[in-house]
């Protein structure tokens, strides 16, 4: 049985992820974490999640959880993934996995160091717009792609901001 804890319970989790954890055999969303207690409690009640927290480390200390879904802003992914891996939890992280190549290498090293499991949420790759972009790129109708540039805001996040 996969017993999920979720760090970050914002809009992305309302329809796609949060409810899905309880619809899959041998899977249950057991706990959520959001720094705003009222919003955490509301989310837990609406989605029938037994436990809620306002502190990520408190959620991670819950030994009944064996997997952690990280749905925070990307600049916090590495930190939360590291904390979860150190606690022996499997990690499912929203995309982008981390902010840059350096953080990606660090995360891979952490997975190896703690003999962990890590999966990135790439559910969009089968959506119609993404399939069309893939088709256009592969057929080279729009030319040959030589570079992709992604720009994100980088900010370090404290537990209080999660």
N, C-alpha and C. Protein backbone atom coordinates (compact mmCIF):
# COMPACT_ATOMS: atom_id res chain seq x y z
N UNK A 1 0.84 -1.18 0.00
CA UNK A 1 0.00 0.00 0.00
C UNK A 1 0.89 1.24 0.00
N UNK A 2 0.61 2.15 -0.91
CA UNK A 2 1.32 3.43 -0.92
C UNK A 2 0.49 4.41 -0.11
N UNK A 3 1.12 4.93 0.93
CA UNK A 3 0.46 5.89 1.83
C UNK A 3 1.13 7.25 1.62
N UNK A 4 0.42 8.14 0.92
CA UNK A 4 0.95 9.41 0.46
C UNK A 4 0.84 10.51 1.50
N UNK A 5 1.89 11.31 1.56
CA UNK A 5 1.86 12.60 2.21
C UNK A 5 2.11 13.64 1.13
N UNK A 6 1.40 14.73 1.18
CA UNK A 6 1.51 15.75 0.14
C UNK A 6 2.00 17.05 0.75
N UNK A 7 3.10 17.58 0.22
CA UNK A 7 3.64 18.87 0.65
C UNK A 7 3.24 19.89 -0.39
N UNK A 8 2.40 20.83 0.01
CA UNK A 8 1.84 21.81 -0.92
C UNK A 8 0.48 21.32 -1.36
N UNK A 9 -0.55 22.07 -1.07
CA UNK A 9 -1.91 21.65 -1.41
C UNK A 9 -2.64 22.80 -2.10
N UNK A 10 -2.04 23.26 -3.18
CA UNK A 10 -2.61 24.38 -3.92
C UNK A 10 -3.46 23.91 -5.09
N UNK A 11 -3.67 24.82 -6.02
CA UNK A 11 -4.57 24.58 -7.15
C UNK A 11 -4.22 23.34 -7.97
N UNK A 12 -2.93 23.09 -8.20
CA UNK A 12 -2.54 21.96 -9.05
C UNK A 12 -3.00 20.63 -8.46
N UNK A 13 -3.20 20.57 -7.16
CA UNK A 13 -3.58 19.32 -6.51
C UNK A 13 -5.08 19.14 -6.39
N UNK A 14 -5.85 20.16 -6.63
CA UNK A 14 -7.30 20.11 -6.42
C UNK A 14 -8.00 19.10 -7.33
N UNK A 15 -7.63 19.04 -8.58
CA UNK A 15 -8.33 18.20 -9.55
C UNK A 15 -7.47 17.03 -10.01
N UNK A 16 -6.22 17.32 -10.35
CA UNK A 16 -5.37 16.31 -10.97
C UNK A 16 -4.81 15.31 -9.96
N UNK A 17 -4.01 15.77 -9.05
CA UNK A 17 -3.23 14.85 -8.23
C UNK A 17 -3.93 14.39 -6.97
N UNK A 18 -4.35 15.33 -6.15
CA UNK A 18 -4.92 14.98 -4.85
C UNK A 18 -5.97 13.89 -4.92
N UNK A 19 -7.05 14.10 -5.67
CA UNK A 19 -8.10 13.07 -5.74
C UNK A 19 -7.61 11.75 -6.36
N UNK A 20 -6.66 11.83 -7.27
CA UNK A 20 -6.19 10.62 -7.96
C UNK A 20 -5.54 9.62 -7.02
N UNK A 21 -4.86 10.10 -5.99
CA UNK A 21 -4.19 9.18 -5.07
C UNK A 21 -5.16 8.22 -4.39
N UNK A 22 -6.39 8.63 -4.21
CA UNK A 22 -7.38 7.76 -3.58
C UNK A 22 -8.17 6.92 -4.58
N UNK A 23 -7.96 7.14 -5.85
CA UNK A 23 -8.69 6.39 -6.88
C UNK A 23 -7.91 5.19 -7.40
N UNK A 24 -6.68 5.07 -6.99
CA UNK A 24 -5.82 3.99 -7.47
C UNK A 24 -5.75 2.90 -6.41
N UNK A 25 -5.86 1.66 -6.87
CA UNK A 25 -5.76 0.53 -5.93
C UNK A 25 -4.43 0.59 -5.18
N UNK A 26 -4.46 0.23 -3.93
CA UNK A 26 -3.26 0.18 -3.09
C UNK A 26 -2.60 1.56 -2.93
N UNK A 27 -3.41 2.61 -2.96
CA UNK A 27 -2.91 3.98 -2.82
C UNK A 27 -3.90 4.80 -2.02
N UNK A 28 -3.38 5.62 -1.11
CA UNK A 28 -4.25 6.49 -0.32
C UNK A 28 -3.51 7.77 0.04
N UNK A 29 -4.19 8.89 -0.12
CA UNK A 29 -3.67 10.17 0.35
C UNK A 29 -4.01 10.26 1.83
N UNK A 30 -2.99 10.21 2.68
CA UNK A 30 -3.17 10.10 4.11
C UNK A 30 -2.97 11.44 4.82
N UNK A 31 -2.09 12.29 4.28
CA UNK A 31 -1.78 13.54 4.96
C UNK A 31 -1.41 14.63 3.96
N UNK A 32 -1.78 15.86 4.30
CA UNK A 32 -1.40 17.01 3.48
C UNK A 32 -0.71 18.05 4.36
N UNK A 33 0.14 18.83 3.74
CA UNK A 33 0.82 19.91 4.45
C UNK A 33 0.63 21.19 3.67
N UNK A 34 0.21 22.19 4.37
CA UNK A 34 0.11 23.55 3.84
C UNK A 34 0.35 24.48 5.01
N UNK A 35 1.13 25.53 4.84
CA UNK A 35 1.50 26.37 6.00
C UNK A 35 0.32 27.10 6.60
N UNK A 36 -0.72 27.35 5.82
CA UNK A 36 -1.93 28.00 6.34
C UNK A 36 -2.84 26.91 6.92
N UNK A 37 -3.00 26.90 8.24
CA UNK A 37 -3.75 25.85 8.92
C UNK A 37 -5.19 25.75 8.43
N UNK A 38 -5.83 26.88 8.25
CA UNK A 38 -7.23 26.88 7.80
C UNK A 38 -7.35 26.25 6.41
N UNK A 39 -6.44 26.59 5.52
CA UNK A 39 -6.48 26.02 4.17
C UNK A 39 -6.11 24.54 4.19
N UNK A 40 -5.17 24.16 5.04
CA UNK A 40 -4.79 22.75 5.15
C UNK A 40 -5.97 21.92 5.65
N UNK A 41 -6.63 22.41 6.69
CA UNK A 41 -7.78 21.69 7.25
C UNK A 41 -8.92 21.61 6.25
N UNK A 42 -9.15 22.69 5.53
CA UNK A 42 -10.21 22.72 4.53
C UNK A 42 -9.93 21.71 3.42
N UNK A 43 -8.69 21.69 2.94
CA UNK A 43 -8.31 20.74 1.89
C UNK A 43 -8.52 19.31 2.38
N UNK A 44 -8.03 19.03 3.58
CA UNK A 44 -8.15 17.68 4.14
C UNK A 44 -9.62 17.27 4.26
N UNK A 45 -10.46 18.18 4.72
CA UNK A 45 -11.88 17.86 4.88
C UNK A 45 -12.55 17.61 3.52
N UNK A 46 -12.31 18.50 2.56
CA UNK A 46 -12.96 18.35 1.25
C UNK A 46 -12.51 17.11 0.49
N UNK A 47 -11.27 16.69 0.70
CA UNK A 47 -10.73 15.53 -0.03
C UNK A 47 -10.65 14.28 0.84
N UNK A 48 -11.25 14.34 2.01
CA UNK A 48 -11.28 13.20 2.93
C UNK A 48 -9.88 12.65 3.25
N UNK A 49 -9.00 13.58 3.58
CA UNK A 49 -7.63 13.23 3.96
C UNK A 49 -7.58 13.23 5.49
N UNK A 50 -7.19 12.12 6.10
CA UNK A 50 -7.27 12.00 7.56
C UNK A 50 -6.43 13.00 8.35
N UNK A 51 -5.24 13.37 7.85
CA UNK A 51 -4.34 14.21 8.63
C UNK A 51 -3.86 15.41 7.82
N UNK A 52 -3.65 16.50 8.52
CA UNK A 52 -3.07 17.68 7.88
C UNK A 52 -2.04 18.32 8.80
N UNK A 53 -1.08 18.98 8.18
CA UNK A 53 0.02 19.60 8.91
C UNK A 53 0.28 21.00 8.35
N UNK A 54 0.95 21.82 9.16
CA UNK A 54 1.41 23.13 8.70
C UNK A 54 2.93 23.18 8.64
N UNK A 55 3.57 22.08 8.96
CA UNK A 55 5.03 21.99 8.98
C UNK A 55 5.46 20.75 8.19
N UNK A 56 6.31 20.95 7.19
CA UNK A 56 6.74 19.83 6.35
C UNK A 56 7.49 18.77 7.13
N UNK A 57 8.36 19.19 8.04
CA UNK A 57 9.12 18.20 8.80
C UNK A 57 8.23 17.34 9.69
N UNK A 58 7.17 17.93 10.19
CA UNK A 58 6.22 17.15 10.99
C UNK A 58 5.56 16.08 10.12
N UNK A 59 5.15 16.45 8.92
CA UNK A 59 4.57 15.48 7.99
C UNK A 59 5.59 14.38 7.68
N UNK A 60 6.82 14.78 7.40
CA UNK A 60 7.86 13.81 7.04
C UNK A 60 8.20 12.86 8.19
N UNK A 61 7.98 13.28 9.41
CA UNK A 61 8.23 12.39 10.57
C UNK A 61 7.13 11.35 10.75
N UNK A 62 6.05 11.49 10.01
CA UNK A 62 4.94 10.53 10.11
C UNK A 62 5.38 9.21 9.47
N UNK A 63 5.70 8.24 10.29
CA UNK A 63 6.21 6.96 9.80
C UNK A 63 5.18 6.12 9.07
N UNK A 64 3.92 6.49 9.13
CA UNK A 64 2.91 5.74 8.39
C UNK A 64 2.95 6.09 6.90
N UNK A 65 3.62 7.18 6.54
CA UNK A 65 3.72 7.60 5.14
C UNK A 65 4.96 6.97 4.51
N UNK A 66 4.79 6.42 3.31
CA UNK A 66 5.95 5.86 2.63
C UNK A 66 6.27 6.55 1.30
N UNK A 67 5.44 7.53 0.92
CA UNK A 67 5.68 8.28 -0.31
C UNK A 67 5.26 9.73 -0.10
N UNK A 68 6.01 10.63 -0.71
CA UNK A 68 5.73 12.05 -0.57
C UNK A 68 5.56 12.66 -1.96
N UNK A 69 4.46 13.39 -2.12
CA UNK A 69 4.20 14.14 -3.35
C UNK A 69 4.53 15.59 -3.06
N UNK A 70 5.43 16.17 -3.85
CA UNK A 70 5.85 17.55 -3.65
C UNK A 70 5.21 18.42 -4.72
N UNK A 71 4.30 19.28 -4.29
CA UNK A 71 3.54 20.14 -5.21
C UNK A 71 3.69 21.60 -4.80
N UNK A 72 4.91 21.98 -4.49
CA UNK A 72 5.23 23.34 -4.10
C UNK A 72 5.78 24.08 -5.31
N UNK A 73 6.04 25.38 -5.20
CA UNK A 73 6.76 26.07 -6.28
C UNK A 73 8.11 25.38 -6.52
N UNK A 74 8.58 25.37 -7.77
CA UNK A 74 9.79 24.63 -8.12
C UNK A 74 11.04 24.97 -7.32
N UNK A 75 11.18 26.19 -6.84
CA UNK A 75 12.40 26.53 -6.11
C UNK A 75 12.49 25.79 -4.78
N UNK A 76 11.43 25.14 -4.33
CA UNK A 76 11.46 24.39 -3.08
C UNK A 76 11.59 22.88 -3.29
N UNK A 77 11.53 22.42 -4.51
CA UNK A 77 11.53 20.99 -4.79
C UNK A 77 12.76 20.26 -4.27
N UNK A 78 13.93 20.80 -4.53
CA UNK A 78 15.16 20.11 -4.10
C UNK A 78 15.19 19.94 -2.58
N UNK A 79 14.89 21.00 -1.87
CA UNK A 79 14.93 20.96 -0.41
C UNK A 79 13.96 19.91 0.14
N UNK A 80 12.73 19.93 -0.31
CA UNK A 80 11.75 18.97 0.21
C UNK A 80 12.07 17.54 -0.23
N UNK A 81 12.55 17.39 -1.45
CA UNK A 81 12.92 16.05 -1.93
C UNK A 81 14.05 15.49 -1.08
N UNK A 82 15.03 16.33 -0.78
CA UNK A 82 16.15 15.88 0.06
C UNK A 82 15.66 15.44 1.43
N UNK A 83 14.81 16.24 2.04
CA UNK A 83 14.28 15.89 3.37
C UNK A 83 13.51 14.59 3.34
N UNK A 84 12.71 14.39 2.29
CA UNK A 84 11.92 13.16 2.19
C UNK A 84 12.82 11.95 1.96
N UNK A 85 13.80 12.08 1.07
CA UNK A 85 14.71 10.97 0.80
C UNK A 85 15.49 10.59 2.06
N UNK A 86 15.92 11.58 2.83
CA UNK A 86 16.64 11.30 4.08
C UNK A 86 15.78 10.49 5.04
N UNK A 87 14.47 10.67 4.98
CA UNK A 87 13.55 9.95 5.86
C UNK A 87 13.13 8.60 5.27
N UNK A 88 13.70 8.23 4.11
CA UNK A 88 13.40 6.93 3.50
C UNK A 88 12.09 6.90 2.73
N UNK A 89 11.58 8.05 2.34
CA UNK A 89 10.31 8.12 1.61
C UNK A 89 10.56 8.11 0.10
N UNK A 90 9.66 7.50 -0.64
CA UNK A 90 9.67 7.63 -2.09
C UNK A 90 9.18 9.04 -2.41
N UNK A 91 9.65 9.61 -3.51
CA UNK A 91 9.31 10.99 -3.85
C UNK A 91 8.71 11.08 -5.25
N UNK A 92 7.59 11.78 -5.32
CA UNK A 92 6.92 12.12 -6.58
C UNK A 92 6.88 13.64 -6.60
N UNK A 93 7.55 14.26 -7.56
CA UNK A 93 7.69 15.72 -7.56
C UNK A 93 7.09 16.31 -8.83
N UNK A 94 6.44 17.45 -8.66
CA UNK A 94 5.88 18.16 -9.82
C UNK A 94 7.01 18.66 -10.71
N UNK A 95 6.65 18.93 -11.93
CA UNK A 95 7.62 19.51 -12.84
C UNK A 95 7.60 21.02 -12.71
N UNK A 96 8.66 21.69 -13.03
CA UNK A 96 9.97 21.11 -13.28
C UNK A 96 10.53 20.49 -12.00
N UNK A 97 11.31 19.45 -12.19
CA UNK A 97 11.85 18.71 -11.06
C UNK A 97 12.61 19.63 -10.11
N UNK A 98 13.46 20.45 -10.67
CA UNK A 98 14.26 21.42 -9.91
C UNK A 98 14.49 22.64 -10.81
N UNK A 99 15.27 23.58 -10.34
CA UNK A 99 15.42 24.85 -11.03
C UNK A 99 16.47 24.88 -12.14
N UNK A 100 17.48 23.99 -12.05
CA UNK A 100 18.56 24.04 -13.05
C UNK A 100 19.33 22.72 -13.06
N UNK A 101 20.30 22.65 -13.95
CA UNK A 101 21.08 21.43 -14.12
C UNK A 101 21.86 21.08 -12.84
N UNK A 102 22.40 22.08 -12.18
CA UNK A 102 23.16 21.84 -10.95
C UNK A 102 22.28 21.17 -9.89
N UNK A 103 21.06 21.68 -9.72
CA UNK A 103 20.14 21.07 -8.75
C UNK A 103 19.72 19.68 -9.19
N UNK A 104 19.56 19.48 -10.50
CA UNK A 104 19.19 18.15 -11.01
C UNK A 104 20.27 17.12 -10.67
N UNK A 105 21.51 17.51 -10.87
CA UNK A 105 22.62 16.61 -10.53
C UNK A 105 22.64 16.32 -9.03
N UNK A 106 22.41 17.35 -8.24
CA UNK A 106 22.39 17.18 -6.78
C UNK A 106 21.27 16.23 -6.37
N UNK A 107 20.11 16.36 -7.01
CA UNK A 107 18.99 15.49 -6.65
C UNK A 107 19.27 14.04 -7.04
N UNK A 108 19.86 13.83 -8.20
CA UNK A 108 20.22 12.47 -8.61
C UNK A 108 21.20 11.87 -7.60
N UNK A 109 22.16 12.66 -7.15
CA UNK A 109 23.12 12.18 -6.15
C UNK A 109 22.43 11.82 -4.84
N UNK A 110 21.43 12.63 -4.44
CA UNK A 110 20.69 12.34 -3.22
C UNK A 110 19.90 11.04 -3.34
N UNK A 111 19.28 10.82 -4.49
CA UNK A 111 18.54 9.57 -4.71
C UNK A 111 19.49 8.39 -4.58
N UNK A 112 20.67 8.50 -5.16
CA UNK A 112 21.67 7.42 -5.05
C UNK A 112 22.17 7.27 -3.62
N UNK A 113 22.47 8.39 -2.98
CA UNK A 113 23.00 8.37 -1.61
C UNK A 113 22.05 7.68 -0.64
N UNK A 114 20.77 7.94 -0.77
CA UNK A 114 19.78 7.39 0.15
C UNK A 114 19.06 6.16 -0.41
N UNK A 115 19.56 5.66 -1.56
CA UNK A 115 18.96 4.49 -2.21
C UNK A 115 17.45 4.70 -2.36
N UNK A 116 17.10 5.89 -2.83
CA UNK A 116 15.70 6.28 -2.91
C UNK A 116 15.06 6.06 -4.26
N UNK A 117 13.81 6.45 -4.33
CA UNK A 117 13.02 6.40 -5.57
C UNK A 117 12.49 7.80 -5.81
N UNK A 118 12.57 8.26 -7.07
CA UNK A 118 12.09 9.58 -7.44
C UNK A 118 11.40 9.50 -8.79
N UNK A 119 10.23 10.12 -8.87
CA UNK A 119 9.47 10.19 -10.12
C UNK A 119 9.03 11.63 -10.31
N UNK A 120 9.05 12.09 -11.57
CA UNK A 120 8.63 13.45 -11.89
C UNK A 120 7.28 13.38 -12.60
N UNK A 121 6.38 14.28 -12.26
CA UNK A 121 5.03 14.33 -12.85
C UNK A 121 5.10 14.89 -14.26
N UNK A 122 5.07 14.00 -15.24
CA UNK A 122 5.11 14.42 -16.64
C UNK A 122 3.80 14.08 -17.33
N UNK A 123 2.70 14.29 -16.67
CA UNK A 123 1.41 13.89 -17.21
C UNK A 123 1.03 14.67 -18.46
N UNK A 124 1.56 15.83 -18.67
CA UNK A 124 1.14 16.67 -19.80
C UNK A 124 1.64 16.18 -21.15
N UNK A 125 2.60 15.30 -21.16
CA UNK A 125 3.19 14.91 -22.44
C UNK A 125 2.20 14.21 -23.37
N UNK A 126 1.07 13.76 -22.87
CA UNK A 126 0.07 13.11 -23.71
C UNK A 126 -1.15 14.00 -23.98
N UNK A 127 -1.07 15.25 -23.57
CA UNK A 127 -2.17 16.17 -23.84
C UNK A 127 -2.10 16.63 -25.31
N UNK A 128 -3.25 16.93 -25.93
CA UNK A 128 -3.28 17.26 -27.36
C UNK A 128 -2.30 18.36 -27.79
N UNK A 129 -2.19 19.45 -27.05
CA UNK A 129 -1.28 20.52 -27.46
C UNK A 129 0.17 20.05 -27.43
N UNK A 130 0.53 19.27 -26.44
CA UNK A 130 1.89 18.79 -26.35
C UNK A 130 2.19 17.76 -27.44
N UNK A 131 1.20 16.93 -27.76
CA UNK A 131 1.39 15.98 -28.86
C UNK A 131 1.56 16.72 -30.19
N UNK A 132 0.84 17.81 -30.37
CA UNK A 132 0.97 18.60 -31.61
C UNK A 132 2.35 19.24 -31.69
N UNK A 133 2.83 19.78 -30.58
CA UNK A 133 4.18 20.36 -30.57
C UNK A 133 5.22 19.29 -30.89
N UNK A 134 5.05 18.12 -30.30
CA UNK A 134 5.97 17.01 -30.58
C UNK A 134 5.96 16.67 -32.06
N UNK A 135 4.77 16.59 -32.65
CA UNK A 135 4.63 16.29 -34.08
C UNK A 135 5.34 17.35 -34.93
N UNK A 136 5.12 18.63 -34.59
CA UNK A 136 5.75 19.71 -35.35
C UNK A 136 7.27 19.67 -35.24
N UNK A 137 7.78 19.38 -34.05
CA UNK A 137 9.22 19.30 -33.87
C UNK A 137 9.82 18.11 -34.60
N UNK A 138 9.17 16.96 -34.51
CA UNK A 138 9.70 15.76 -35.15
C UNK A 138 9.66 15.85 -36.68
N UNK A 139 8.62 16.47 -37.21
CA UNK A 139 8.50 16.60 -38.67
C UNK A 139 9.36 17.73 -39.21
N UNK A 140 9.85 18.59 -38.33
CA UNK A 140 10.68 19.75 -38.66
C UNK A 140 9.94 20.76 -39.54
N UNK A 141 8.61 20.73 -39.47
CA UNK A 141 7.79 21.70 -40.20
C UNK A 141 8.14 23.12 -39.76
N UNK A 142 8.46 23.29 -38.51
CA UNK A 142 8.80 24.63 -38.00
C UNK A 142 10.31 24.82 -37.92
N UNK A 143 11.05 23.95 -38.58
CA UNK A 143 12.51 24.04 -38.56
C UNK A 143 13.10 23.11 -37.52
N UNK A 144 14.41 23.13 -37.46
CA UNK A 144 15.10 22.26 -36.50
C UNK A 144 15.30 23.01 -35.19
N UNK A 145 14.87 22.40 -34.12
CA UNK A 145 15.02 23.00 -32.80
C UNK A 145 16.45 22.78 -32.33
N UNK A 146 17.12 23.88 -31.99
CA UNK A 146 18.50 23.78 -31.52
C UNK A 146 18.64 24.15 -30.06
N UNK A 147 17.62 24.83 -29.53
CA UNK A 147 17.71 25.25 -28.14
C UNK A 147 16.31 25.54 -27.60
N UNK A 148 16.14 25.25 -26.33
CA UNK A 148 14.93 25.61 -25.63
C UNK A 148 15.37 26.42 -24.42
N UNK A 149 14.73 27.56 -24.20
CA UNK A 149 15.08 28.39 -23.06
C UNK A 149 13.87 28.53 -22.16
N UNK A 150 14.02 28.10 -20.93
CA UNK A 150 12.98 28.24 -19.93
C UNK A 150 13.43 29.29 -18.93
N UNK A 151 12.54 30.17 -18.57
CA UNK A 151 12.87 31.20 -17.60
C UNK A 151 11.92 31.07 -16.42
N UNK A 152 12.48 30.97 -15.23
CA UNK A 152 11.67 30.89 -14.02
C UNK A 152 12.23 31.86 -12.99
N UNK A 153 11.39 32.21 -12.05
CA UNK A 153 11.84 33.06 -10.96
C UNK A 153 12.50 32.18 -9.92
N UNK A 154 13.64 32.58 -9.43
CA UNK A 154 14.33 31.77 -8.43
C UNK A 154 14.27 32.49 -7.09
N UNK A 155 13.82 31.78 -6.12
CA UNK A 155 13.73 32.31 -4.77
C UNK A 155 13.86 31.15 -3.81
N UNK A 156 14.65 31.30 -2.81
CA UNK A 156 14.73 30.27 -1.78
C UNK A 156 13.51 30.39 -0.90
N UNK A 157 12.98 29.26 -0.48
CA UNK A 157 11.72 29.23 0.25
C UNK A 157 11.94 28.71 1.66
N UNK A 158 11.33 29.33 2.62
CA UNK A 158 11.38 28.83 3.99
C UNK A 158 10.16 27.96 4.24
N UNK A 159 10.19 27.20 5.32
CA UNK A 159 9.03 26.36 5.67
C UNK A 159 7.78 27.20 5.82
N UNK A 160 7.93 28.41 6.31
CA UNK A 160 6.76 29.27 6.53
C UNK A 160 6.11 29.68 5.21
N UNK A 161 6.85 29.62 4.11
CA UNK A 161 6.31 30.02 2.80
C UNK A 161 5.67 28.87 2.04
N UNK A 162 5.80 27.67 2.50
CA UNK A 162 5.32 26.51 1.76
C UNK A 162 3.82 26.48 1.71
